[in-house]
Amino acid sequence: RRIGAPPTGPATGEFVDYPTSTTILGAAKLTGRLASGTSLGFLGAVTGAMDADVATGGMPSTVLVAPRASWGIGRITQQFGRERSTFSAGLVAMDRDLHDGDPLAALLTQRAVSGSGETTLRFGDRTYEANVMLGFSHVMGTPAAIERIQRNTVHLFQSPDREAVHLDPTHRTMDGLMSQISLDKVAGQHWLWGSQLSMKSPGLETNDTGRLNAAGEVRL
C-alpha cells in the first residue's frame, strides 16, 4: 500500500514525534462494466505534506518527512471469445512536489510511471490458460535519488557481478522493462500444472507505485 503509507524521511532529535501515516487529502474512484464486456477502473488521490515534530535542547521545530504527492491509477480489461479470454492494460503514475534543492529530493524520486499490457487466452473448454504480459517503468529524480535506487538491494548496480550494467551517479532517470509468459492447466481431471518464464531488466523500478524485490533476472 503506497497511498497513505508512513513517511520515510529522516527526523532526529532528543524528542521526535513522527507521523505513522500520510494524510490523504482527497481521493476518487470510478469502476464499471460495459455491455461490450469492457471493465474499467480508475483511481486518483492526493496526499499531503507531512512534518515530524522534533526538539533538541528544549528548542522545538518541525522537519518535513513526506512531500505532497499526486497519484493516478487506471486499468481497462476487455473480454472476448466464447471462453471469455481477456486483454487488459494498466497505468500507474505518481508525482511528488519536490524540487532539486529540497532535502528530501536526495532521498525520494520526483516522478514515477509504470504500465503493463497483458492477455489471457482460455481454451480447451477453459481447461487451459496462456498468459502473455509486457510492462515498463520510468522514474525521475535528482542524481542522488537515482543513485540510491541503483545501489539498493533490488538493483545493486555497484556489484562487480552485474556485468550488464554499471553505476552512474549522474543519471536523473531510470527505465526498465518486464515480460512474462505462462501456460497452465487450471481445470479438468487428474493433473493440474503450470509453467512460467519471466524477465525483469536491471533498470526496472516499481517500488514507488508497487512492490519489487529483485530486478535484472530471468526466472523459469
N, C-alpha and C. Protein backbone atom coordinates (compact mmCIF):
# COMPACT_ATOMS: atom_id res chain seq x y z
N ARG A 1 0.86 -1.19 0.00
CA ARG A 1 0.00 0.00 0.00
C ARG A 1 0.89 1.23 0.00
N ARG A 2 0.82 2.04 -1.05
CA ARG A 2 1.68 3.21 -1.16
C ARG A 2 0.93 4.50 -0.85
N ILE A 3 -0.33 4.61 -1.23
CA ILE A 3 -1.10 5.82 -0.97
C ILE A 3 -1.48 5.86 0.51
N GLY A 4 -0.99 6.84 1.24
CA GLY A 4 -1.25 6.93 2.67
C GLY A 4 -0.26 6.16 3.52
N ALA A 5 0.81 5.65 2.92
CA ALA A 5 1.80 4.88 3.67
C ALA A 5 2.57 5.78 4.63
N PRO A 6 3.24 5.21 5.63
CA PRO A 6 4.04 6.02 6.56
C PRO A 6 5.13 6.79 5.81
N PRO A 7 5.45 8.00 6.24
CA PRO A 7 6.55 8.75 5.64
C PRO A 7 7.87 8.03 5.81
N THR A 8 8.85 8.39 5.00
CA THR A 8 10.16 7.74 5.06
C THR A 8 11.30 8.72 5.27
N GLY A 9 11.02 10.01 5.32
CA GLY A 9 12.07 10.99 5.53
C GLY A 9 12.65 10.92 6.94
N PRO A 10 13.92 11.28 7.10
CA PRO A 10 14.56 11.20 8.42
C PRO A 10 14.18 12.38 9.32
N ALA A 11 14.17 12.11 10.63
CA ALA A 11 13.96 13.15 11.64
C ALA A 11 14.69 12.73 12.91
N THR A 12 15.57 13.59 13.41
CA THR A 12 16.36 13.25 14.60
C THR A 12 16.24 14.36 15.63
N GLY A 13 16.42 13.99 16.88
CA GLY A 13 16.38 14.95 17.97
C GLY A 13 16.25 14.23 19.29
N GLU A 14 16.33 14.98 20.38
CA GLU A 14 16.13 14.38 21.70
C GLU A 14 14.69 13.91 21.87
N PHE A 15 13.78 14.63 21.23
CA PHE A 15 12.36 14.23 21.21
C PHE A 15 11.90 14.24 19.76
N VAL A 16 11.24 13.19 19.31
CA VAL A 16 10.73 13.10 17.94
C VAL A 16 9.31 12.55 17.98
N ASP A 17 8.38 13.30 17.44
CA ASP A 17 7.00 12.83 17.27
C ASP A 17 6.80 12.62 15.77
N TYR A 18 6.91 11.36 15.34
CA TYR A 18 6.94 11.04 13.91
C TYR A 18 5.57 10.52 13.46
N PRO A 19 5.02 11.03 12.35
CA PRO A 19 3.70 10.56 11.89
C PRO A 19 3.75 9.11 11.45
N THR A 20 2.69 8.37 11.72
CA THR A 20 2.64 6.94 11.39
C THR A 20 1.96 6.68 10.05
N SER A 21 1.41 7.70 9.43
CA SER A 21 0.78 7.55 8.12
C SER A 21 0.77 8.90 7.43
N THR A 22 0.47 8.88 6.16
CA THR A 22 0.38 10.11 5.37
C THR A 22 -1.09 10.45 5.16
N THR A 23 -1.44 11.69 5.38
CA THR A 23 -2.83 12.12 5.24
C THR A 23 -3.26 12.12 3.78
N ILE A 24 -4.39 11.48 3.50
CA ILE A 24 -4.98 11.51 2.16
C ILE A 24 -5.93 12.70 2.10
N LEU A 25 -5.55 13.71 1.34
CA LEU A 25 -6.36 14.93 1.27
C LEU A 25 -7.64 14.72 0.48
N GLY A 26 -7.58 13.85 -0.51
CA GLY A 26 -8.76 13.58 -1.31
C GLY A 26 -8.50 12.42 -2.24
N ALA A 27 -9.55 11.68 -2.57
CA ALA A 27 -9.42 10.54 -3.47
C ALA A 27 -10.75 10.29 -4.15
N ALA A 28 -10.68 9.75 -5.36
CA ALA A 28 -11.89 9.41 -6.11
C ALA A 28 -11.64 8.12 -6.88
N LYS A 29 -12.67 7.29 -6.97
CA LYS A 29 -12.57 6.03 -7.68
C LYS A 29 -13.76 5.85 -8.60
N LEU A 30 -13.51 5.31 -9.77
CA LEU A 30 -14.57 5.04 -10.74
C LEU A 30 -14.37 3.63 -11.28
N THR A 31 -15.37 2.78 -11.16
CA THR A 31 -15.31 1.44 -11.71
C THR A 31 -16.62 1.14 -12.43
N GLY A 32 -16.55 0.25 -13.39
CA GLY A 32 -17.76 -0.10 -14.12
C GLY A 32 -17.50 -1.18 -15.15
N ARG A 33 -18.58 -1.72 -15.69
CA ARG A 33 -18.51 -2.74 -16.72
C ARG A 33 -19.54 -2.40 -17.79
N LEU A 34 -19.10 -2.39 -19.05
CA LEU A 34 -19.96 -2.06 -20.17
C LEU A 34 -20.58 -3.31 -20.76
N ALA A 35 -21.64 -3.12 -21.52
CA ALA A 35 -22.32 -4.25 -22.16
C ALA A 35 -21.42 -4.97 -23.15
N SER A 36 -20.38 -4.29 -23.65
CA SER A 36 -19.46 -4.88 -24.62
C SER A 36 -18.46 -5.84 -23.97
N GLY A 37 -18.50 -5.95 -22.62
CA GLY A 37 -17.55 -6.81 -21.93
C GLY A 37 -16.31 -6.08 -21.46
N THR A 38 -16.33 -4.76 -21.52
CA THR A 38 -15.18 -3.95 -21.08
C THR A 38 -15.35 -3.56 -19.63
N SER A 39 -14.33 -3.83 -18.81
CA SER A 39 -14.32 -3.41 -17.41
C SER A 39 -13.34 -2.26 -17.25
N LEU A 40 -13.75 -1.23 -16.49
CA LEU A 40 -12.94 -0.03 -16.30
C LEU A 40 -12.72 0.22 -14.82
N GLY A 41 -11.53 0.70 -14.50
CA GLY A 41 -11.26 1.08 -13.12
C GLY A 41 -10.25 2.22 -13.08
N PHE A 42 -10.59 3.29 -12.37
CA PHE A 42 -9.70 4.45 -12.27
C PHE A 42 -9.69 4.94 -10.82
N LEU A 43 -8.51 5.38 -10.37
CA LEU A 43 -8.35 5.91 -9.02
C LEU A 43 -7.41 7.09 -9.06
N GLY A 44 -7.80 8.17 -8.40
CA GLY A 44 -6.94 9.34 -8.26
C GLY A 44 -6.89 9.76 -6.81
N ALA A 45 -5.74 10.22 -6.34
CA ALA A 45 -5.61 10.61 -4.94
C ALA A 45 -4.53 11.67 -4.78
N VAL A 46 -4.67 12.48 -3.74
CA VAL A 46 -3.66 13.47 -3.37
C VAL A 46 -3.35 13.29 -1.90
N THR A 47 -2.06 13.14 -1.57
CA THR A 47 -1.63 13.02 -0.17
C THR A 47 -0.89 14.28 0.24
N GLY A 48 -1.03 14.65 1.50
CA GLY A 48 -0.48 15.91 1.97
C GLY A 48 0.96 15.80 2.43
N ALA A 49 1.61 16.96 2.52
CA ALA A 49 2.95 17.02 3.10
C ALA A 49 2.86 16.73 4.60
N MET A 50 3.84 15.98 5.10
CA MET A 50 3.83 15.57 6.50
C MET A 50 5.09 16.06 7.21
N ASP A 51 4.91 16.55 8.44
CA ASP A 51 6.02 17.03 9.25
C ASP A 51 6.16 16.18 10.51
N ALA A 52 7.39 16.03 10.97
CA ALA A 52 7.66 15.44 12.27
C ALA A 52 8.02 16.56 13.24
N ASP A 53 7.50 16.48 14.45
CA ASP A 53 7.83 17.45 15.49
C ASP A 53 9.06 16.95 16.24
N VAL A 54 10.08 17.77 16.30
CA VAL A 54 11.32 17.38 16.99
C VAL A 54 11.71 18.48 17.97
N ALA A 55 12.53 18.10 18.94
CA ALA A 55 13.04 19.07 19.91
C ALA A 55 14.42 18.63 20.37
N THR A 56 15.32 19.59 20.43
CA THR A 56 16.68 19.35 20.93
C THR A 56 17.07 20.52 21.82
N GLY A 57 17.53 20.22 23.03
CA GLY A 57 17.89 21.28 23.96
C GLY A 57 16.73 22.17 24.33
N GLY A 58 15.52 21.62 24.30
CA GLY A 58 14.33 22.39 24.65
C GLY A 58 13.83 23.27 23.53
N MET A 59 14.43 23.23 22.35
CA MET A 59 14.01 24.05 21.21
C MET A 59 13.20 23.21 20.23
N PRO A 60 11.89 23.46 20.14
CA PRO A 60 11.06 22.67 19.23
C PRO A 60 11.17 23.16 17.78
N SER A 61 10.96 22.25 16.83
CA SER A 61 10.95 22.58 15.42
C SER A 61 10.22 21.47 14.66
N THR A 62 10.01 21.69 13.38
CA THR A 62 9.37 20.68 12.54
C THR A 62 10.30 20.32 11.38
N VAL A 63 10.21 19.08 10.94
CA VAL A 63 11.02 18.58 9.83
C VAL A 63 10.09 17.92 8.83
N LEU A 64 10.20 18.31 7.56
CA LEU A 64 9.39 17.69 6.51
C LEU A 64 9.87 16.27 6.28
N VAL A 65 8.96 15.30 6.41
CA VAL A 65 9.33 13.89 6.22
C VAL A 65 8.60 13.25 5.05
N ALA A 66 7.65 13.96 4.44
CA ALA A 66 6.97 13.46 3.24
C ALA A 66 6.43 14.66 2.48
N PRO A 67 6.68 14.76 1.19
CA PRO A 67 6.15 15.88 0.41
C PRO A 67 4.72 15.61 -0.05
N ARG A 68 4.06 16.64 -0.49
CA ARG A 68 2.75 16.49 -1.12
C ARG A 68 2.92 15.65 -2.37
N ALA A 69 1.98 14.77 -2.65
CA ALA A 69 2.09 13.88 -3.81
C ALA A 69 0.74 13.64 -4.45
N SER A 70 0.76 13.39 -5.76
CA SER A 70 -0.45 13.06 -6.53
C SER A 70 -0.29 11.67 -7.11
N TRP A 71 -1.40 10.93 -7.15
CA TRP A 71 -1.38 9.54 -7.60
C TRP A 71 -2.50 9.30 -8.61
N GLY A 72 -2.23 8.49 -9.61
CA GLY A 72 -3.26 8.12 -10.58
C GLY A 72 -3.08 6.68 -11.02
N ILE A 73 -4.18 5.93 -11.06
CA ILE A 73 -4.16 4.53 -11.44
C ILE A 73 -5.32 4.28 -12.40
N GLY A 74 -5.07 3.57 -13.48
CA GLY A 74 -6.12 3.23 -14.42
C GLY A 74 -5.92 1.84 -14.99
N ARG A 75 -7.01 1.13 -15.22
CA ARG A 75 -6.93 -0.20 -15.81
C ARG A 75 -8.18 -0.47 -16.63
N ILE A 76 -7.98 -1.06 -17.81
CA ILE A 76 -9.07 -1.44 -18.71
C ILE A 76 -8.89 -2.90 -19.08
N THR A 77 -9.97 -3.67 -18.98
CA THR A 77 -9.95 -5.09 -19.34
C THR A 77 -11.08 -5.36 -20.33
N GLN A 78 -10.74 -6.00 -21.44
CA GLN A 78 -11.73 -6.35 -22.46
C GLN A 78 -11.85 -7.87 -22.54
N GLN A 79 -13.05 -8.35 -22.41
CA GLN A 79 -13.33 -9.78 -22.53
C GLN A 79 -13.72 -10.10 -23.97
N PHE A 80 -13.26 -11.25 -24.47
CA PHE A 80 -13.60 -11.62 -25.84
C PHE A 80 -13.62 -13.14 -25.96
N GLY A 81 -14.32 -13.62 -27.00
CA GLY A 81 -14.35 -15.04 -27.31
C GLY A 81 -15.33 -15.83 -26.48
N ARG A 82 -15.64 -17.04 -26.97
CA ARG A 82 -16.61 -17.91 -26.30
C ARG A 82 -16.14 -18.33 -24.92
N GLU A 83 -14.84 -18.46 -24.74
CA GLU A 83 -14.30 -18.94 -23.46
C GLU A 83 -13.82 -17.79 -22.57
N ARG A 84 -14.23 -16.59 -22.90
CA ARG A 84 -14.02 -15.41 -22.06
C ARG A 84 -12.53 -15.12 -21.82
N SER A 85 -11.77 -15.13 -22.88
CA SER A 85 -10.39 -14.66 -22.80
C SER A 85 -10.41 -13.16 -22.56
N THR A 86 -9.28 -12.60 -22.11
CA THR A 86 -9.24 -11.18 -21.78
C THR A 86 -7.97 -10.52 -22.30
N PHE A 87 -8.09 -9.23 -22.55
CA PHE A 87 -6.93 -8.37 -22.78
C PHE A 87 -7.07 -7.18 -21.85
N SER A 88 -5.98 -6.78 -21.21
CA SER A 88 -6.05 -5.66 -20.27
C SER A 88 -4.81 -4.80 -20.37
N ALA A 89 -4.96 -3.55 -19.99
CA ALA A 89 -3.86 -2.59 -19.96
C ALA A 89 -4.02 -1.72 -18.72
N GLY A 90 -2.90 -1.41 -18.08
CA GLY A 90 -2.95 -0.59 -16.88
C GLY A 90 -1.81 0.41 -16.82
N LEU A 91 -2.02 1.50 -16.09
CA LEU A 91 -1.02 2.55 -15.94
C LEU A 91 -1.10 3.10 -14.53
N VAL A 92 0.07 3.32 -13.91
CA VAL A 92 0.16 3.91 -12.58
C VAL A 92 1.14 5.07 -12.64
N ALA A 93 0.78 6.22 -12.09
CA ALA A 93 1.65 7.39 -12.11
C ALA A 93 1.67 8.05 -10.73
N MET A 94 2.82 8.58 -10.36
CA MET A 94 3.00 9.28 -9.08
C MET A 94 3.87 10.50 -9.30
N ASP A 95 3.49 11.62 -8.69
CA ASP A 95 4.25 12.85 -8.80
C ASP A 95 4.38 13.48 -7.42
N ARG A 96 5.63 13.68 -6.98
CA ARG A 96 5.89 14.32 -5.69
C ARG A 96 6.24 15.79 -5.90
N ASP A 97 5.77 16.62 -5.00
CA ASP A 97 6.06 18.05 -5.06
C ASP A 97 7.45 18.29 -4.46
N LEU A 98 8.47 17.93 -5.24
CA LEU A 98 9.85 18.07 -4.81
C LEU A 98 10.64 18.85 -5.85
N HIS A 99 11.56 19.67 -5.38
CA HIS A 99 12.47 20.40 -6.25
C HIS A 99 13.90 20.00 -5.92
N ASP A 100 14.80 20.25 -6.84
CA ASP A 100 16.17 19.76 -6.70
C ASP A 100 16.83 20.18 -5.40
N GLY A 101 16.51 21.36 -4.89
CA GLY A 101 17.17 21.84 -3.67
C GLY A 101 16.55 21.35 -2.38
N ASP A 102 15.42 20.66 -2.44
CA ASP A 102 14.77 20.18 -1.23
C ASP A 102 15.58 19.04 -0.61
N PRO A 103 15.68 18.99 0.73
CA PRO A 103 16.45 17.90 1.36
C PRO A 103 15.94 16.51 1.00
N LEU A 104 14.63 16.35 0.88
CA LEU A 104 14.08 15.03 0.56
C LEU A 104 14.32 14.63 -0.89
N ALA A 105 14.69 15.60 -1.75
CA ALA A 105 14.92 15.29 -3.16
C ALA A 105 16.12 14.39 -3.36
N ALA A 106 17.02 14.32 -2.38
CA ALA A 106 18.16 13.41 -2.46
C ALA A 106 17.80 11.99 -2.05
N LEU A 107 16.59 11.83 -1.48
CA LEU A 107 16.17 10.51 -0.98
C LEU A 107 15.03 9.90 -1.78
N LEU A 108 14.15 10.76 -2.31
CA LEU A 108 12.94 10.29 -2.97
C LEU A 108 12.91 10.71 -4.43
N THR A 109 12.33 9.88 -5.27
CA THR A 109 12.14 10.26 -6.67
C THR A 109 11.06 11.33 -6.78
N GLN A 110 11.11 12.08 -7.87
CA GLN A 110 10.12 13.13 -8.08
C GLN A 110 8.91 12.62 -8.87
N ARG A 111 9.14 11.72 -9.81
CA ARG A 111 8.05 11.15 -10.62
C ARG A 111 8.32 9.69 -10.90
N ALA A 112 7.23 8.93 -11.00
CA ALA A 112 7.34 7.51 -11.33
C ALA A 112 6.12 7.10 -12.15
N VAL A 113 6.37 6.34 -13.21
CA VAL A 113 5.30 5.83 -14.06
C VAL A 113 5.59 4.37 -14.36
N SER A 114 4.58 3.54 -14.30
CA SER A 114 4.72 2.14 -14.72
C SER A 114 3.43 1.71 -15.40
N GLY A 115 3.56 0.79 -16.33
CA GLY A 115 2.39 0.32 -17.05
C GLY A 115 2.60 -1.08 -17.59
N SER A 116 1.51 -1.72 -17.96
CA SER A 116 1.61 -3.07 -18.49
C SER A 116 0.41 -3.37 -19.37
N GLY A 117 0.61 -4.31 -20.26
CA GLY A 117 -0.47 -4.85 -21.08
C GLY A 117 -0.36 -6.36 -21.06
N GLU A 118 -1.47 -7.04 -20.96
CA GLU A 118 -1.42 -8.49 -20.91
C GLU A 118 -2.68 -9.10 -21.51
N THR A 119 -2.54 -10.32 -21.98
CA THR A 119 -3.68 -11.06 -22.49
C THR A 119 -3.68 -12.45 -21.89
N THR A 120 -4.86 -12.94 -21.57
CA THR A 120 -5.05 -14.30 -21.07
C THR A 120 -5.98 -15.02 -22.03
N LEU A 121 -5.46 -16.04 -22.69
CA LEU A 121 -6.23 -16.82 -23.65
C LEU A 121 -6.67 -18.12 -22.99
N ARG A 122 -7.97 -18.35 -22.97
CA ARG A 122 -8.53 -19.57 -22.37
C ARG A 122 -9.02 -20.49 -23.49
N PHE A 123 -8.70 -21.77 -23.38
CA PHE A 123 -9.08 -22.71 -24.43
C PHE A 123 -9.24 -24.11 -23.83
N GLY A 124 -9.71 -25.04 -24.68
CA GLY A 124 -9.96 -26.39 -24.19
C GLY A 124 -11.10 -26.42 -23.18
N ASP A 125 -12.19 -25.72 -23.49
CA ASP A 125 -13.32 -25.61 -22.57
C ASP A 125 -12.86 -25.04 -21.24
N ARG A 126 -12.01 -24.01 -21.30
CA ARG A 126 -11.46 -23.29 -20.16
C ARG A 126 -10.62 -24.18 -19.24
N THR A 127 -10.06 -25.23 -19.84
CA THR A 127 -9.17 -26.10 -19.10
C THR A 127 -7.76 -25.52 -19.03
N TYR A 128 -7.37 -24.79 -20.07
CA TYR A 128 -6.01 -24.26 -20.18
C TYR A 128 -6.05 -22.73 -20.27
N GLU A 129 -5.00 -22.11 -19.77
CA GLU A 129 -4.83 -20.66 -19.87
C GLU A 129 -3.41 -20.34 -20.31
N ALA A 130 -3.29 -19.49 -21.31
CA ALA A 130 -1.99 -18.97 -21.73
C ALA A 130 -1.99 -17.47 -21.49
N ASN A 131 -0.94 -16.98 -20.85
CA ASN A 131 -0.88 -15.57 -20.48
C ASN A 131 0.42 -14.95 -20.99
N VAL A 132 0.31 -13.76 -21.58
CA VAL A 132 1.48 -13.01 -22.02
C VAL A 132 1.36 -11.60 -21.46
N MET A 133 2.43 -11.11 -20.83
CA MET A 133 2.42 -9.78 -20.22
C MET A 133 3.70 -9.04 -20.59
N LEU A 134 3.56 -7.76 -20.91
CA LEU A 134 4.69 -6.86 -21.16
C LEU A 134 4.48 -5.60 -20.33
N GLY A 135 5.55 -5.09 -19.72
CA GLY A 135 5.42 -3.90 -18.90
C GLY A 135 6.66 -3.04 -18.93
N PHE A 136 6.55 -1.83 -18.37
CA PHE A 136 7.66 -0.88 -18.34
C PHE A 136 7.60 -0.07 -17.07
N SER A 137 8.71 0.58 -16.76
CA SER A 137 8.75 1.52 -15.64
C SER A 137 9.66 2.68 -16.01
N HIS A 138 9.38 3.84 -15.42
CA HIS A 138 10.20 5.04 -15.62
C HIS A 138 10.16 5.84 -14.33
N VAL A 139 11.32 6.19 -13.79
CA VAL A 139 11.40 7.05 -12.61
C VAL A 139 12.33 8.21 -12.91
N MET A 140 12.05 9.36 -12.29
CA MET A 140 12.85 10.56 -12.50
C MET A 140 13.10 11.22 -11.15
N GLY A 141 14.30 11.76 -10.98
CA GLY A 141 14.63 12.46 -9.75
C GLY A 141 16.01 13.08 -9.84
N THR A 142 16.50 13.54 -8.73
CA THR A 142 17.84 14.11 -8.70
C THR A 142 18.87 12.99 -8.87
N PRO A 143 20.09 13.31 -9.29
CA PRO A 143 21.12 12.27 -9.39
C PRO A 143 21.33 11.49 -8.09
N ALA A 144 21.23 12.17 -6.95
CA ALA A 144 21.41 11.48 -5.66
C ALA A 144 20.31 10.46 -5.42
N ALA A 145 19.06 10.81 -5.76
CA ALA A 145 17.94 9.88 -5.57
C ALA A 145 18.05 8.69 -6.50
N ILE A 146 18.43 8.93 -7.75
CA ILE A 146 18.57 7.83 -8.71
C ILE A 146 19.74 6.93 -8.32
N GLU A 147 20.83 7.52 -7.81
CA GLU A 147 21.96 6.71 -7.38
C GLU A 147 21.56 5.81 -6.21
N ARG A 148 20.72 6.30 -5.28
CA ARG A 148 20.27 5.47 -4.17
C ARG A 148 19.51 4.25 -4.69
N ILE A 149 18.70 4.44 -5.74
CA ILE A 149 17.98 3.30 -6.31
C ILE A 149 18.95 2.33 -6.96
N GLN A 150 19.93 2.86 -7.71
CA GLN A 150 20.90 1.98 -8.35
C GLN A 150 21.66 1.13 -7.34
N ARG A 151 21.90 1.68 -6.15
CA ARG A 151 22.70 0.99 -5.14
C ARG A 151 21.88 0.08 -4.22
N ASN A 152 20.56 0.20 -4.19
CA ASN A 152 19.81 -0.58 -3.20
C ASN A 152 19.82 -2.06 -3.55
N THR A 153 19.29 -2.88 -2.65
CA THR A 153 19.40 -4.32 -2.79
C THR A 153 18.56 -4.88 -3.93
N VAL A 154 17.64 -4.10 -4.48
CA VAL A 154 16.86 -4.55 -5.63
C VAL A 154 17.72 -4.54 -6.89
N HIS A 155 18.67 -3.59 -7.00
CA HIS A 155 19.40 -3.38 -8.24
C HIS A 155 20.89 -3.69 -8.13
N LEU A 156 21.56 -3.18 -7.10
CA LEU A 156 22.98 -3.45 -6.89
C LEU A 156 23.84 -3.18 -8.13
N PHE A 157 23.66 -2.00 -8.72
CA PHE A 157 24.45 -1.65 -9.91
C PHE A 157 25.94 -1.59 -9.61
N GLN A 158 26.30 -1.35 -8.35
CA GLN A 158 27.71 -1.24 -7.99
C GLN A 158 28.40 -2.60 -7.86
N SER A 159 27.64 -3.68 -7.91
CA SER A 159 28.22 -5.00 -7.72
C SER A 159 29.06 -5.42 -8.93
N PRO A 160 30.25 -5.99 -8.72
CA PRO A 160 31.07 -6.46 -9.85
C PRO A 160 30.42 -7.62 -10.60
N ASP A 161 29.43 -8.27 -9.99
CA ASP A 161 28.74 -9.37 -10.66
C ASP A 161 27.74 -8.87 -11.70
N ARG A 162 27.40 -7.58 -11.65
CA ARG A 162 26.44 -7.02 -12.59
C ARG A 162 27.19 -6.53 -13.83
N GLU A 163 27.52 -7.44 -14.72
CA GLU A 163 28.32 -7.07 -15.89
C GLU A 163 27.52 -6.30 -16.93
N ALA A 164 26.21 -6.46 -16.96
CA ALA A 164 25.39 -5.82 -17.98
C ALA A 164 25.10 -4.35 -17.68
N VAL A 165 25.35 -3.89 -16.44
CA VAL A 165 25.06 -2.51 -16.06
C VAL A 165 26.23 -1.96 -15.26
N HIS A 166 26.23 -0.65 -15.08
CA HIS A 166 27.24 -0.03 -14.24
C HIS A 166 26.63 1.17 -13.52
N LEU A 167 27.13 1.46 -12.36
CA LEU A 167 26.65 2.58 -11.56
C LEU A 167 27.01 3.89 -12.23
N ASP A 168 26.02 4.78 -12.37
CA ASP A 168 26.25 6.10 -12.95
C ASP A 168 25.60 7.14 -12.03
N PRO A 169 26.38 7.87 -11.24
CA PRO A 169 25.83 8.83 -10.29
C PRO A 169 25.33 10.13 -10.93
N THR A 170 25.38 10.23 -12.25
CA THR A 170 24.91 11.45 -12.92
C THR A 170 23.51 11.30 -13.52
N HIS A 171 22.97 10.10 -13.55
CA HIS A 171 21.66 9.88 -14.17
C HIS A 171 20.55 10.54 -13.37
N ARG A 172 19.57 11.07 -14.09
CA ARG A 172 18.38 11.66 -13.48
C ARG A 172 17.14 10.82 -13.75
N THR A 173 17.25 9.80 -14.58
CA THR A 173 16.13 8.92 -14.88
C THR A 173 16.60 7.47 -14.84
N MET A 174 15.64 6.57 -14.77
CA MET A 174 15.92 5.14 -14.77
C MET A 174 14.73 4.45 -15.43
N ASP A 175 15.01 3.59 -16.40
CA ASP A 175 13.96 2.94 -17.18
C ASP A 175 14.16 1.43 -17.17
N GLY A 176 13.06 0.71 -17.23
CA GLY A 176 13.15 -0.74 -17.23
C GLY A 176 11.97 -1.39 -17.93
N LEU A 177 12.14 -2.69 -18.24
CA LEU A 177 11.11 -3.48 -18.91
C LEU A 177 10.92 -4.78 -18.16
N MET A 178 9.76 -5.36 -18.33
CA MET A 178 9.48 -6.68 -17.79
C MET A 178 8.57 -7.43 -18.76
N SER A 179 8.68 -8.76 -18.73
CA SER A 179 7.83 -9.59 -19.57
C SER A 179 7.61 -10.92 -18.87
N GLN A 180 6.49 -11.54 -19.23
CA GLN A 180 6.17 -12.83 -18.62
C GLN A 180 5.28 -13.61 -19.57
N ILE A 181 5.52 -14.90 -19.68
CA ILE A 181 4.68 -15.79 -20.47
C ILE A 181 4.44 -17.05 -19.66
N SER A 182 3.21 -17.54 -19.66
CA SER A 182 2.90 -18.71 -18.86
C SER A 182 1.85 -19.56 -19.57
N LEU A 183 1.87 -20.84 -19.26
CA LEU A 183 0.88 -21.80 -19.76
C LEU A 183 0.49 -22.69 -18.59
N ASP A 184 -0.81 -22.76 -18.30
CA ASP A 184 -1.28 -23.50 -17.13
C ASP A 184 -2.49 -24.36 -17.48
N LYS A 185 -2.56 -25.50 -16.83
CA LYS A 185 -3.79 -26.29 -16.84
C LYS A 185 -4.50 -26.00 -15.53
N VAL A 186 -5.68 -25.41 -15.60
CA VAL A 186 -6.35 -24.90 -14.41
C VAL A 186 -7.62 -25.67 -14.06
N ALA A 187 -8.01 -26.64 -14.89
CA ALA A 187 -9.23 -27.42 -14.62
C ALA A 187 -9.07 -28.80 -15.25
N GLY A 188 -10.06 -29.65 -15.03
CA GLY A 188 -10.02 -30.99 -15.60
C GLY A 188 -9.64 -32.04 -14.57
N GLN A 189 -9.62 -33.27 -15.01
CA GLN A 189 -9.32 -34.38 -14.13
C GLN A 189 -7.82 -34.61 -14.00
N HIS A 190 -7.47 -35.35 -12.98
CA HIS A 190 -6.10 -35.79 -12.74
C HIS A 190 -5.18 -34.60 -12.45
N TRP A 191 -4.26 -34.31 -13.35
CA TRP A 191 -3.18 -33.37 -13.04
C TRP A 191 -3.55 -31.93 -13.39
N LEU A 192 -3.16 -31.02 -12.51
CA LEU A 192 -3.12 -29.58 -12.80
C LEU A 192 -1.66 -29.16 -12.79
N TRP A 193 -1.25 -28.30 -13.70
CA TRP A 193 0.15 -27.91 -13.78
C TRP A 193 0.27 -26.49 -14.31
N GLY A 194 1.47 -25.94 -14.15
CA GLY A 194 1.72 -24.60 -14.65
C GLY A 194 3.18 -24.42 -15.00
N SER A 195 3.45 -23.56 -15.97
CA SER A 195 4.81 -23.23 -16.37
C SER A 195 4.89 -21.73 -16.64
N GLN A 196 6.04 -21.14 -16.33
CA GLN A 196 6.16 -19.69 -16.47
C GLN A 196 7.60 -19.30 -16.76
N LEU A 197 7.75 -18.33 -17.62
CA LEU A 197 9.05 -17.72 -17.90
C LEU A 197 8.89 -16.21 -17.76
N SER A 198 9.74 -15.60 -16.92
CA SER A 198 9.63 -14.16 -16.68
C SER A 198 10.99 -13.50 -16.79
N MET A 199 11.00 -12.23 -17.17
CA MET A 199 12.22 -11.45 -17.32
C MET A 199 11.99 -10.05 -16.75
N LYS A 200 12.97 -9.57 -15.98
CA LYS A 200 12.96 -8.19 -15.48
C LYS A 200 14.30 -7.58 -15.80
N SER A 201 14.31 -6.45 -16.51
CA SER A 201 15.57 -5.81 -16.86
C SER A 201 16.18 -5.16 -15.63
N PRO A 202 17.50 -4.90 -15.64
CA PRO A 202 18.17 -4.32 -14.45
C PRO A 202 17.58 -2.98 -14.02
N GLY A 203 17.08 -2.18 -14.97
CA GLY A 203 16.58 -0.85 -14.63
C GLY A 203 15.13 -0.80 -14.22
N LEU A 204 14.46 -1.94 -14.14
CA LEU A 204 13.06 -1.95 -13.73
C LEU A 204 12.93 -1.46 -12.29
N GLU A 205 12.03 -0.51 -12.04
CA GLU A 205 11.85 0.05 -10.70
C GLU A 205 10.39 0.45 -10.51
N THR A 206 9.67 -0.30 -9.67
CA THR A 206 8.25 -0.04 -9.43
C THR A 206 7.93 0.14 -7.96
N ASN A 207 8.92 0.34 -7.12
CA ASN A 207 8.66 0.40 -5.68
C ASN A 207 8.01 1.70 -5.22
N ASP A 208 7.95 2.72 -6.06
CA ASP A 208 7.20 3.92 -5.70
C ASP A 208 5.70 3.68 -5.83
N THR A 209 5.31 2.79 -6.72
CA THR A 209 3.89 2.57 -7.00
C THR A 209 3.44 1.14 -6.73
N GLY A 210 4.36 0.24 -6.39
CA GLY A 210 4.01 -1.15 -6.13
C GLY A 210 5.08 -1.81 -5.28
N ARG A 211 5.40 -3.04 -5.63
CA ARG A 211 6.41 -3.78 -4.87
C ARG A 211 7.30 -4.55 -5.85
N LEU A 212 8.61 -4.42 -5.67
CA LEU A 212 9.59 -5.14 -6.49
C LEU A 212 10.72 -5.60 -5.58
N ASN A 213 10.98 -6.90 -5.55
CA ASN A 213 12.03 -7.44 -4.69
C ASN A 213 13.35 -7.60 -5.39
N ALA A 214 13.34 -7.81 -6.71
CA ALA A 214 14.59 -8.01 -7.44
C ALA A 214 14.40 -7.64 -8.89
N ALA A 215 15.43 -7.05 -9.49
CA ALA A 215 15.42 -6.70 -10.91
C ALA A 215 16.64 -7.34 -11.57
N GLY A 216 16.66 -7.33 -12.90
CA GLY A 216 17.79 -7.90 -13.62
C GLY A 216 17.86 -9.40 -13.49
N GLU A 217 16.72 -10.08 -13.66
CA GLU A 217 16.72 -11.53 -13.51
C GLU A 217 15.81 -12.18 -14.53
N VAL A 218 16.10 -13.44 -14.83
CA VAL A 218 15.26 -14.29 -15.66
C VAL A 218 14.89 -15.51 -14.83
N ARG A 219 13.59 -15.82 -14.79
CA ARG A 219 13.14 -16.96 -13.99
C ARG A 219 12.28 -17.89 -14.84
N LEU A 220 12.48 -19.18 -14.63
CA LEU A 220 11.72 -20.21 -15.32
C LEU A 220 11.03 -21.08 -14.26
